[in-house]
Amino acid sequence: MIFEEIAQVMDARPVKEIQRRTGLKKNRVYSLRTGCCLRLDYDLVFALNRLGYDLALVPLRRGVDGKL
């Protein structure tokens, strides 16, 4: 799911604006817009933060039998 959500965030604004606000290169923004080539590094986390988003690890809910 995260790939689609990041693609939507990157597609919501013009590439030049994202570049200016985040410092990401044009090719990286285009890759993120397509939802592929996601490399979760500090640059991406920082860029999402600059766009007003934050990433968080959320534990999966356990079923009735205690398994994932």
PDB file of N, CA and C in Angstrom:
ATOM      1  N   MET A   1       0.807  -1.204   0.000  1.00  0.00           N
ATOM      2  CA  MET A   1       0.000   0.000   0.000  1.00  0.00           C
ATOM      3  C   MET A   1       0.851   1.269   0.000  1.00  0.00           C
ATOM      4  N   ILE A   2       1.988   1.230   0.631  1.00  0.00           N
ATOM      5  CA  ILE A   2       2.796   2.436   0.760  1.00  0.00           C
ATOM      6  C   ILE A   2       3.255   2.958  -0.603  1.00  0.00           C
ATOM      7  N   PHE A   3       3.486   2.060  -1.564  1.00  0.00           N
ATOM      8  CA  PHE A   3       3.932   2.489  -2.885  1.00  0.00           C
ATOM      9  C   PHE A   3       2.887   3.378  -3.549  1.00  0.00           C
ATOM     10  N   GLU A   4       1.631   2.957  -3.469  1.00  0.00           N
ATOM     11  CA  GLU A   4       0.547   3.728  -4.087  1.00  0.00           C
ATOM     12  C   GLU A   4       0.363   5.073  -3.391  1.00  0.00           C
ATOM     13  N   GLU A   5       0.474   5.080  -2.070  1.00  0.00           N
ATOM     14  CA  GLU A   5       0.290   6.324  -1.326  1.00  0.00           C
ATOM     15  C   GLU A   5       1.393   7.330  -1.637  1.00  0.00           C
ATOM     16  N   ILE A   6       2.631   6.859  -1.708  1.00  0.00           N
ATOM     17  CA  ILE A   6       3.736   7.762  -2.050  1.00  0.00           C
ATOM     18  C   ILE A   6       3.580   8.246  -3.481  1.00  0.00           C
ATOM     19  N   ALA A   7       3.142   7.379  -4.386  1.00  0.00           N
ATOM     20  CA  ALA A   7       2.909   7.787  -5.773  1.00  0.00           C
ATOM     21  C   ALA A   7       1.851   8.886  -5.844  1.00  0.00           C
ATOM     22  N   GLN A   8       0.793   8.773  -5.038  1.00  0.00           N
ATOM     23  CA  GLN A   8      -0.250   9.801  -5.021  1.00  0.00           C
ATOM     24  C   GLN A   8       0.283  11.127  -4.500  1.00  0.00           C
ATOM     25  N   VAL A   9       1.108  11.079  -3.457  1.00  0.00           N
ATOM     26  CA  VAL A   9       1.690  12.303  -2.896  1.00  0.00           C
ATOM     27  C   VAL A   9       2.583  12.979  -3.925  1.00  0.00           C
ATOM     28  N   MET A  10       3.408  12.192  -4.612  1.00  0.00           N
ATOM     29  CA  MET A  10       4.340  12.763  -5.586  1.00  0.00           C
ATOM     30  C   MET A  10       3.623  13.237  -6.849  1.00  0.00           C
ATOM     31  N   ASP A  11       2.461  12.683  -7.131  1.00  0.00           N
ATOM     32  CA  ASP A  11       1.714  13.062  -8.327  1.00  0.00           C
ATOM     33  C   ASP A  11       0.798  14.262  -8.078  1.00  0.00           C
ATOM     34  N   ALA A  12       0.604  14.623  -6.825  1.00  0.00           N
ATOM     35  CA  ALA A  12      -0.329  15.696  -6.484  1.00  0.00           C
ATOM     36  C   ALA A  12       0.220  17.091  -6.781  1.00  0.00           C
ATOM     37  N   ARG A  13       1.536  17.201  -6.904  1.00  0.00           N
ATOM     38  CA  ARG A  13       2.168  18.508  -7.134  1.00  0.00           C
ATOM     39  C   ARG A  13       3.052  18.444  -8.370  1.00  0.00           C
ATOM     40  N   PRO A  14       3.344  19.589  -8.971  1.00  0.00           N
ATOM     41  CA  PRO A  14       4.261  19.607 -10.122  1.00  0.00           C
ATOM     42  C   PRO A  14       5.667  19.147  -9.715  1.00  0.00           C
ATOM     43  N   VAL A  15       6.373  18.519 -10.646  1.00  0.00           N
ATOM     44  CA  VAL A  15       7.707  17.989 -10.391  1.00  0.00           C
ATOM     45  C   VAL A  15       8.656  19.092  -9.928  1.00  0.00           C
ATOM     46  N   LYS A  16       8.619  20.232 -10.578  1.00  0.00           N
ATOM     47  CA  LYS A  16       9.511  21.342 -10.216  1.00  0.00           C
ATOM     48  C   LYS A  16       9.292  21.785  -8.769  1.00  0.00           C
ATOM     49  N   GLU A  17       8.035  21.820  -8.338  1.00  0.00           N
ATOM     50  CA  GLU A  17       7.744  22.224  -6.960  1.00  0.00           C
ATOM     51  C   GLU A  17       8.292  21.195  -5.973  1.00  0.00           C
ATOM     52  N   ILE A  18       8.106  19.916  -6.280  1.00  0.00           N
ATOM     53  CA  ILE A  18       8.631  18.869  -5.410  1.00  0.00           C
ATOM     54  C   ILE A  18      10.148  18.949  -5.346  1.00  0.00           C
ATOM     55  N   GLN A  19      10.783  19.170  -6.485  1.00  0.00           N
ATOM     56  CA  GLN A  19      12.235  19.310  -6.516  1.00  0.00           C
ATOM     57  C   GLN A  19      12.691  20.483  -5.644  1.00  0.00           C
ATOM     58  N   ARG A  20      12.019  21.593  -5.787  1.00  0.00           N
ATOM     59  CA  ARG A  20      12.391  22.797  -5.041  1.00  0.00           C
ATOM     60  C   ARG A  20      12.206  22.593  -3.543  1.00  0.00           C
ATOM     61  N   ARG A  21      11.104  21.987  -3.151  1.00  0.00           N
ATOM     62  CA  ARG A  21      10.783  21.836  -1.734  1.00  0.00           C
ATOM     63  C   ARG A  21      11.552  20.711  -1.055  1.00  0.00           C
ATOM     64  N   THR A  22      11.927  19.677  -1.815  1.00  0.00           N
ATOM     65  CA  THR A  22      12.525  18.498  -1.189  1.00  0.00           C
ATOM     66  C   THR A  22      13.989  18.280  -1.526  1.00  0.00           C
ATOM     67  N   GLY A  23      14.436  18.787  -2.661  1.00  0.00           N
ATOM     68  CA  GLY A  23      15.814  18.542  -3.076  1.00  0.00           C
ATOM     69  C   GLY A  23      15.998  17.236  -3.823  1.00  0.00           C
ATOM     70  N   LEU A  24      14.900  16.503  -4.087  1.00  0.00           N
ATOM     71  CA  LEU A  24      15.011  15.264  -4.849  1.00  0.00           C
ATOM     72  C   LEU A  24      15.284  15.579  -6.318  1.00  0.00           C
ATOM     73  N   LYS A  25      16.001  14.675  -6.973  1.00  0.00           N
ATOM     74  CA  LYS A  25      16.267  14.848  -8.402  1.00  0.00           C
ATOM     75  C   LYS A  25      15.015  14.496  -9.204  1.00  0.00           C
ATOM     76  N   LYS A  26      14.956  15.063 -10.419  1.00  0.00           N
ATOM     77  CA  LYS A  26      13.781  14.879 -11.271  1.00  0.00           C
ATOM     78  C   LYS A  26      13.502  13.405 -11.560  1.00  0.00           C
ATOM     79  N   ASN A  27      14.532  12.630 -11.872  1.00  0.00           N
ATOM     80  CA  ASN A  27      14.343  11.208 -12.166  1.00  0.00           C
ATOM     81  C   ASN A  27      13.776  10.458 -10.971  1.00  0.00           C
ATOM     82  N   ARG A  28      14.211  10.836  -9.770  1.00  0.00           N
ATOM     83  CA  ARG A  28      13.704  10.166  -8.559  1.00  0.00           C
ATOM     84  C   ARG A  28      12.218  10.472  -8.358  1.00  0.00           C
ATOM     85  N   VAL A  29      11.824  11.722  -8.602  1.00  0.00           N
ATOM     86  CA  VAL A  29      10.418  12.101  -8.455  1.00  0.00           C
ATOM     87  C   VAL A  29       9.562  11.327  -9.455  1.00  0.00           C
ATOM     88  N   TYR A  30      10.021  11.230 -10.701  1.00  0.00           N
ATOM     89  CA  TYR A  30       9.261  10.480 -11.711  1.00  0.00           C
ATOM     90  C   TYR A  30       9.144   9.006 -11.335  1.00  0.00           C
ATOM     91  N   SER A  31      10.209   8.410 -10.803  1.00  0.00           N
ATOM     92  CA  SER A  31      10.152   7.010 -10.380  1.00  0.00           C
ATOM     93  C   SER A  31       9.155   6.827  -9.248  1.00  0.00           C
ATOM     94  N   LEU A  32       9.153   7.739  -8.301  1.00  0.00           N
ATOM     95  CA  LEU A  32       8.223   7.648  -7.183  1.00  0.00           C
ATOM     96  C   LEU A  32       6.785   7.851  -7.640  1.00  0.00           C
ATOM     97  N   ARG A  33       6.588   8.675  -8.664  1.00  0.00           N
ATOM     98  CA  ARG A  33       5.236   8.907  -9.189  1.00  0.00           C
ATOM     99  C   ARG A  33       4.639   7.650  -9.798  1.00  0.00           C
ATOM    100  N   THR A  34       5.475   6.790 -10.359  1.00  0.00           N
ATOM    101  CA  THR A  34       4.971   5.565 -10.977  1.00  0.00           C
ATOM    102  C   THR A  34       4.754   4.457  -9.955  1.00  0.00           C
ATOM    103  N   GLY A  35       5.244   4.662  -8.725  1.00  0.00           N
ATOM    104  CA  GLY A  35       5.058   3.666  -7.681  1.00  0.00           C
ATOM    105  C   GLY A  35       6.082   2.557  -7.711  1.00  0.00           C
ATOM    106  N   CYS A  36       7.124   2.733  -8.491  1.00  0.00           N
ATOM    107  CA  CYS A  36       8.159   1.702  -8.521  1.00  0.00           C
ATOM    108  C   CYS A  36       9.490   2.294  -8.067  1.00  0.00           C
ATOM    109  N   CYS A  37      10.447   1.427  -7.929  1.00  0.00           N
ATOM    110  CA  CYS A  37      11.795   1.856  -7.562  1.00  0.00           C
ATOM    111  C   CYS A  37      11.816   2.591  -6.223  1.00  0.00           C
ATOM    112  N   LEU A  38      11.009   2.141  -5.284  1.00  0.00           N
ATOM    113  CA  LEU A  38      10.994   2.780  -3.973  1.00  0.00           C
ATOM    114  C   LEU A  38      12.215   2.335  -3.182  1.00  0.00           C
ATOM    115  N   ARG A  39      13.075   3.278  -2.896  1.00  0.00           N
ATOM    116  CA  ARG A  39      14.249   3.047  -2.066  1.00  0.00           C
ATOM    117  C   ARG A  39      14.031   3.903  -0.824  1.00  0.00           C
ATOM    118  N   LEU A  40      13.690   3.262   0.254  1.00  0.00           N
ATOM    119  CA  LEU A  40      13.376   3.991   1.476  1.00  0.00           C
ATOM    120  C   LEU A  40      14.684   4.393   2.154  1.00  0.00           C
ATOM    121  N   ASP A  41      15.115   5.592   1.885  1.00  0.00           N
ATOM    122  CA  ASP A  41      16.322   6.109   2.506  1.00  0.00           C
ATOM    123  C   ASP A  41      16.003   7.447   3.173  1.00  0.00           C
ATOM    124  N   TYR A  42      17.009   8.031   3.782  1.00  0.00           N
ATOM    125  CA  TYR A  42      16.786   9.276   4.506  1.00  0.00           C
ATOM    126  C   TYR A  42      16.291  10.382   3.586  1.00  0.00           C
ATOM    127  N   ASP A  43      16.765  10.409   2.346  1.00  0.00           N
ATOM    128  CA  ASP A  43      16.330  11.449   1.406  1.00  0.00           C
ATOM    129  C   ASP A  43      14.821  11.395   1.176  1.00  0.00           C
ATOM    130  N   LEU A  44      14.276  10.190   1.025  1.00  0.00           N
ATOM    131  CA  LEU A  44      12.835  10.051   0.810  1.00  0.00           C
ATOM    132  C   LEU A  44      12.053  10.409   2.067  1.00  0.00           C
ATOM    133  N   VAL A  45      12.516   9.946   3.221  1.00  0.00           N
ATOM    134  CA  VAL A  45      11.841  10.272   4.479  1.00  0.00           C
ATOM    135  C   VAL A  45      11.847  11.783   4.695  1.00  0.00           C
ATOM    136  N   PHE A  46      12.974  12.433   4.448  1.00  0.00           N
ATOM    137  CA  PHE A  46      13.082  13.883   4.587  1.00  0.00           C
ATOM    138  C   PHE A  46      12.166  14.599   3.596  1.00  0.00           C
ATOM    139  N   ALA A  47      12.126  14.109   2.350  1.00  0.00           N
ATOM    140  CA  ALA A  47      11.284  14.739   1.335  1.00  0.00           C
ATOM    141  C   ALA A  47       9.811  14.636   1.713  1.00  0.00           C
ATOM    142  N   LEU A  48       9.375  13.477   2.165  1.00  0.00           N
ATOM    143  CA  LEU A  48       7.983  13.328   2.590  1.00  0.00           C
ATOM    144  C   LEU A  48       7.675  14.227   3.776  1.00  0.00           C
ATOM    145  N   ASN A  49       8.640  14.361   4.679  1.00  0.00           N
ATOM    146  CA  ASN A  49       8.456  15.246   5.818  1.00  0.00           C
ATOM    147  C   ASN A  49       8.299  16.690   5.377  1.00  0.00           C
ATOM    148  N   ARG A  50       9.088  17.104   4.391  1.00  0.00           N
ATOM    149  CA  ARG A  50       8.995  18.481   3.868  1.00  0.00           C
ATOM    150  C   ARG A  50       7.660  18.733   3.178  1.00  0.00           C
ATOM    151  N   LEU A  51       7.028  17.650   2.664  1.00  0.00           N
ATOM    152  CA  LEU A  51       5.722  17.769   2.017  1.00  0.00           C
ATOM    153  C   LEU A  51       4.575  17.610   3.016  1.00  0.00           C
ATOM    154  N   GLY A  52       4.916  17.417   4.296  1.00  0.00           N
ATOM    155  CA  GLY A  52       3.897  17.343   5.337  1.00  0.00           C
ATOM    156  C   GLY A  52       3.450  15.936   5.694  1.00  0.00           C
ATOM    157  N   TYR A  53       4.267  14.931   5.382  1.00  0.00           N
ATOM    158  CA  TYR A  53       3.917  13.544   5.671  1.00  0.00           C
ATOM    159  C   TYR A  53       4.984  12.915   6.549  1.00  0.00           C
ATOM    160  N   ASP A  54       4.600  11.872   7.276  1.00  0.00           N
ATOM    161  CA  ASP A  54       5.516  11.162   8.148  1.00  0.00           C
ATOM    162  C   ASP A  54       5.290   9.659   7.973  1.00  0.00           C
ATOM    163  N   LEU A  55       6.348   8.890   8.062  1.00  0.00           N
ATOM    164  CA  LEU A  55       6.234   7.436   7.982  1.00  0.00           C
ATOM    165  C   LEU A  55       6.284   6.866   9.391  1.00  0.00           C
ATOM    166  N   ALA A  56       5.516   5.820   9.618  1.00  0.00           N
ATOM    167  CA  ALA A  56       5.514   5.170  10.926  1.00  0.00           C
ATOM    168  C   ALA A  56       5.365   3.666  10.748  1.00  0.00           C
ATOM    169  N   LEU A  57       6.021   2.908  11.612  1.00  0.00           N
ATOM    170  CA  LEU A  57       5.843   1.465  11.625  1.00  0.00           C
ATOM    171  C   LEU A  57       4.676   1.157  12.537  1.00  0.00           C
ATOM    172  N   VAL A  58       3.726   0.418  12.009  1.00  0.00           N
ATOM    173  CA  VAL A  58       2.530   0.075  12.764  1.00  0.00           C
ATOM    174  C   VAL A  58       2.462  -1.450  12.845  1.00  0.00           C
ATOM    175  N   PRO A  59       2.360  -1.999  14.056  1.00  0.00           N
ATOM    176  CA  PRO A  59       2.299  -3.461  14.157  1.00  0.00           C
ATOM    177  C   PRO A  59       1.004  -4.004  13.562  1.00  0.00           C
ATOM    178  N   LEU A  60       1.100  -5.182  12.994  1.00  0.00           N
ATOM    179  CA  LEU A  60      -0.073  -5.852  12.432  1.00  0.00           C
ATOM    180  C   LEU A  60      -0.971  -6.325  13.572  1.00  0.00           C
ATOM    181  N   ARG A  61      -2.259  -6.360  13.312  1.00  0.00           N
ATOM    182  CA  ARG A  61      -3.187  -6.896  14.320  1.00  0.00           C
ATOM    183  C   ARG A  61      -3.068  -8.415  14.325  1.00  0.00           C
ATOM    184  N   ARG A  62      -3.176  -8.979  15.458  1.00  0.00           N
ATOM    185  CA  ARG A  62      -3.123 -10.442  15.581  1.00  0.00           C
ATOM    186  C   ARG A  62      -4.536 -11.003  15.521  1.00  0.00           C
ATOM    187  N   GLY A  63      -4.665 -12.157  14.898  1.00  0.00           N
ATOM    188  CA  GLY A  63      -5.961 -12.830  14.800  1.00  0.00           C
ATOM    189  C   GLY A  63      -6.347 -13.450  16.139  1.00  0.00           C
ATOM    190  N   VAL A  64      -7.478 -14.107  16.175  1.00  0.00           N
ATOM    191  CA  VAL A  64      -7.978 -14.731  17.404  1.00  0.00           C
ATOM    192  C   VAL A  64      -7.043 -15.829  17.898  1.00  0.00           C
ATOM    193  N   ASP A  65      -6.365 -16.516  16.970  1.00  0.00           N
ATOM    194  CA  ASP A  65      -5.477 -17.591  17.371  1.00  0.00           C
ATOM    195  C   ASP A  65      -4.074 -17.098  17.734  1.00  0.00           C
ATOM    196  N   GLY A  66      -3.866 -15.780  17.700  1.00  0.00           N
ATOM    197  CA  GLY A  66      -2.575 -15.197  18.082  1.00  0.00           C
ATOM    198  C   GLY A  66      -1.576 -15.113  16.941  1.00  0.00           C
ATOM    199  N   LYS A  67      -1.967 -15.594  15.766  1.00  0.00           N
ATOM    200  CA  LYS A  67      -1.059 -15.525  14.616  1.00  0.00           C
ATOM    201  C   LYS A  67      -1.339 -14.263  13.813  1.00  0.00           C
ATOM    202  N   LEU A  68      -0.370 -13.858  13.022  1.00  0.00           N
ATOM    203  CA  LEU A  68      -0.521 -12.654  12.194  1.00  0.00           C
ATOM    204  C   LEU A  68      -1.544 -12.819  11.131  1.00  0.00           C
TER     205      LEU A  68
END
